[in-house]
Protein backbone atom coordinates (compact mmCIF):
# COMPACT_ATOMS: atom_id res chain seq x y z
CA MET A 1 147.34 -82.51 173.07
CA ASN A 2 145.43 -83.62 169.98
CA GLU A 3 143.56 -81.22 167.70
CA ALA A 4 140.09 -82.05 169.13
CA ALA A 5 141.26 -81.47 172.70
CA SER A 6 142.95 -78.25 171.67
CA ARG A 7 139.75 -77.01 170.01
CA GLN A 8 137.70 -77.95 173.08
CA THR A 9 140.12 -75.98 175.27
CA GLU A 10 139.74 -72.96 172.96
CA VAL A 11 135.94 -73.17 173.15
CA LEU A 12 135.99 -73.45 176.95
CA PHE A 13 138.36 -70.49 177.19
CA ALA A 14 136.15 -68.41 174.88
CA GLU A 15 133.05 -69.31 176.90
CA GLU A 16 134.85 -68.47 180.14
CA SER A 17 135.98 -65.09 178.82
CA VAL A 18 132.45 -64.28 177.59
CA LEU A 19 130.96 -65.21 180.96
CA SER A 20 133.53 -63.02 182.71
CA HIS A 21 132.22 -60.00 180.79
CA PRO A 22 130.49 -57.41 183.03
CA LEU A 23 127.27 -57.84 181.04
CA PHE A 24 127.12 -61.39 182.36
CA GLY A 25 128.07 -60.45 185.91
CA GLY A 26 131.84 -60.58 185.54
CA GLY A 27 133.59 -58.52 188.18
CA LEU A 28 130.45 -58.27 190.31
CA PRO A 29 131.36 -58.25 194.00
CA PRO A 30 129.83 -61.14 195.98
CA ALA A 31 127.79 -58.70 198.12
CA ALA A 32 126.19 -57.23 194.99
CA GLU A 33 125.54 -60.69 193.58
CA ARG A 34 123.80 -61.77 196.80
CA ALA A 35 121.77 -58.56 196.92
CA LEU A 36 120.60 -59.04 193.32
CA GLU A 37 119.64 -62.62 194.09
CA HIS A 38 117.66 -61.49 197.13
CA ALA A 39 116.02 -58.73 195.10
CA GLY A 40 114.79 -61.33 192.63
CA LEU A 41 113.44 -63.50 195.41
CA ALA A 42 111.70 -60.48 196.96
CA TYR A 43 110.20 -59.30 193.65
CA SER A 44 106.62 -59.56 194.94
CA ASP A 45 107.47 -57.21 197.84
CA PRO A 46 108.55 -53.94 196.18
CA ALA A 47 109.84 -52.32 199.38
CA LYS A 48 112.10 -55.31 200.11
CA ALA A 49 113.18 -55.76 196.50
CA GLU A 50 114.20 -52.12 196.22
CA VAL A 51 116.23 -52.31 199.45
CA PHE A 52 118.18 -55.21 197.95
CA LEU A 53 118.61 -53.40 194.62
CA ARG A 54 120.00 -50.37 196.48
CA GLU A 55 122.36 -52.69 198.37
CA ALA A 56 123.58 -54.13 195.07
CA GLU A 57 124.03 -50.63 193.73
CA ALA A 58 126.02 -49.58 196.82
CA ALA A 59 128.27 -52.64 196.47
CA ALA A 60 128.78 -52.23 192.72
CA PRO A 61 127.84 -48.73 191.58
CA ASP A 62 127.29 -48.49 187.84
CA HIS A 63 127.96 -52.21 187.20
CA PHE A 64 126.00 -53.48 184.21
CA ALA A 65 124.49 -56.36 186.20
CA VAL A 66 123.05 -53.93 188.75
CA LEU A 67 121.73 -51.60 186.04
CA ILE A 68 120.11 -54.55 184.29
CA GLY A 69 118.59 -55.61 187.63
CA TRP A 70 117.02 -52.18 188.09
CA TYR A 71 115.85 -52.07 184.47
CA ARG A 72 114.16 -55.46 184.65
CA TYR A 73 112.59 -54.64 188.00
CA TYR A 74 111.10 -51.36 186.75
CA PHE A 75 110.07 -52.85 183.41
CA TYR A 76 108.21 -55.83 184.85
CA LYS A 77 106.60 -53.67 187.52
CA GLY A 78 105.21 -51.48 184.72
CA ARG A 79 107.25 -48.50 185.87
CA LEU A 80 108.17 -47.65 182.31
CA ALA A 81 109.44 -44.09 182.81
CA GLU A 82 111.91 -45.37 185.42
CA ALA A 83 112.92 -48.25 183.14
CA LEU A 84 113.50 -45.72 180.36
CA ALA A 85 115.78 -43.66 182.63
CA ILE A 86 117.88 -46.77 183.36
CA GLY A 87 117.86 -47.64 179.65
CA LYS A 88 119.23 -44.18 178.82
CA HIS A 89 121.92 -44.67 181.44
CA CYS A 90 122.87 -48.04 179.90
CA LEU A 91 123.00 -46.48 176.42
CA ALA A 92 125.30 -43.72 177.67
CA LYS A 93 127.53 -46.12 179.63
CA THR A 94 127.86 -48.47 176.68
CA ALA A 95 128.61 -45.55 174.35
CA ARG A 96 131.41 -44.41 176.69
CA GLU A 97 132.88 -47.89 176.95
CA LYS A 98 132.78 -48.41 173.16
CA ASN A 99 133.99 -44.85 172.43
CA PHE A 100 130.79 -44.11 170.52
CA PRO A 101 129.45 -40.57 170.26
CA ALA A 102 127.43 -39.62 173.35
CA ASP A 103 124.29 -39.07 171.25
CA TRP A 104 123.05 -42.40 169.85
CA ARG A 105 121.88 -40.54 166.73
CA GLU A 106 125.53 -39.92 165.82
CA VAL A 107 126.66 -43.55 166.13
CA ARG A 108 127.57 -45.01 162.73
CA ALA A 109 127.56 -48.59 161.47
CA SER A 110 131.32 -48.32 160.99
CA ASP A 111 131.81 -47.65 164.73
CA ALA A 112 131.52 -51.37 165.63
CA ALA A 113 130.62 -54.80 164.30
CA PHE A 114 126.93 -54.38 165.09
CA GLY A 115 125.89 -57.36 162.99
CA SER A 116 128.31 -59.71 164.72
CA TYR A 117 127.43 -61.84 167.72
CA ASP A 118 131.08 -61.56 168.80
CA ASP A 119 130.94 -57.86 169.70
CA ILE A 120 129.02 -58.20 172.96
CA MET A 121 129.01 -54.50 173.80
CA ALA A 122 127.85 -53.44 170.34
CA ARG A 123 124.98 -55.93 170.57
CA PHE A 124 124.14 -54.69 174.06
CA PHE A 125 124.09 -51.13 172.71
CA MET A 126 121.55 -52.25 170.10
CA PHE A 127 119.42 -54.04 172.71
CA CYS A 128 119.48 -50.88 174.84
CA LEU A 129 118.45 -48.81 171.83
CA LYS A 130 115.65 -51.25 171.02
CA GLY A 131 114.41 -51.05 174.61
CA TYR A 132 114.68 -47.27 174.40
CA ALA A 133 112.57 -47.28 171.23
CA TYR A 134 109.97 -49.61 172.71
CA LEU A 135 109.64 -47.66 175.96
CA ASN A 136 109.34 -44.37 174.12
CA MET A 137 106.57 -45.88 172.00
CA ARG A 138 104.78 -47.22 175.09
CA LEU A 139 105.09 -43.83 176.76
CA GLY A 140 103.61 -42.08 173.72
CA ASP A 141 106.70 -40.61 172.05
CA LEU A 142 106.25 -42.37 168.72
CA ARG A 143 108.61 -40.02 166.86
CA GLU A 144 111.51 -40.80 169.23
CA GLY A 145 110.69 -44.50 169.04
CA ARG A 146 110.74 -44.40 165.23
CA GLU A 147 114.08 -42.56 165.14
CA ALA A 148 115.66 -45.15 167.44
CA LEU A 149 114.30 -48.05 165.36
CA GLU A 150 115.54 -46.48 162.14
CA LYS A 151 118.97 -46.02 163.74
CA LEU A 152 118.99 -49.70 164.66
CA LEU A 153 118.38 -50.61 161.03
CA ASP A 154 121.18 -48.24 159.97
CA LEU A 155 123.57 -49.93 162.40
CA ASP A 156 122.57 -53.46 161.42
CA PRO A 157 120.79 -53.64 158.06
CA THR A 158 120.48 -57.43 158.42
CA ASP A 159 118.24 -56.72 161.43
CA ARG A 160 119.56 -59.44 163.70
CA ILE A 161 117.93 -57.63 166.61
CA ASN A 162 114.52 -57.63 164.89
CA ALA A 163 113.80 -53.89 164.94
CA THR A 164 111.48 -54.29 161.95
CA LEU A 165 108.96 -56.07 164.16
CA LEU A 166 108.59 -52.98 166.37
CA LEU A 167 108.66 -50.71 163.33
CA ASP A 168 105.73 -52.69 161.86
CA VAL A 169 103.81 -52.31 165.13
CA LEU A 170 104.54 -48.59 165.14
CA GLU A 171 103.39 -48.18 161.54
CA ARG A 172 100.15 -50.03 162.26
CA ALA A 173 99.58 -47.84 165.32
CA GLU A 174 100.15 -44.69 163.25
CA ARG A 175 97.60 -45.93 160.69
CA GLY A 176 95.13 -46.64 163.49
CA ASP A 177 95.30 -50.42 163.02
CA GLU A 178 96.59 -50.99 166.57
């Protein structure tokens, strides 16, 4: 095999292993996958959508894809307190899987490669924390939102997740500009 073909095989293998990650649905039983698909199709009918989400949850309890399905459903339905509860669950689950401290406030930049796109779980942890900050702000807990955003900047000072945007919004809101 020539060098170009070898490199292409490496790229395909890397893509395949990334897509097999639980965050991208890897390991999701077919019944849960079907239920999530049906939940999406039934989005405009909350009673039906929630039946399908519960079916997905029964088929794959605590799978990231199911948790993300619930989070997105609650978020886009404007059920922010319920979305926040799922977000907290995702933060805790990710912390357990990455061996981070249980309290996000105690996670340190040295605990993972937060600034790297290669550490999928560390990036997911940051996205969960950003969602946590945003939802707390929307629900009126500006102090908690600020703490979470400041933690994001501690974990990734290059701000690849763009926490400063939310921090700017928060600061404008605190000044009465928003």
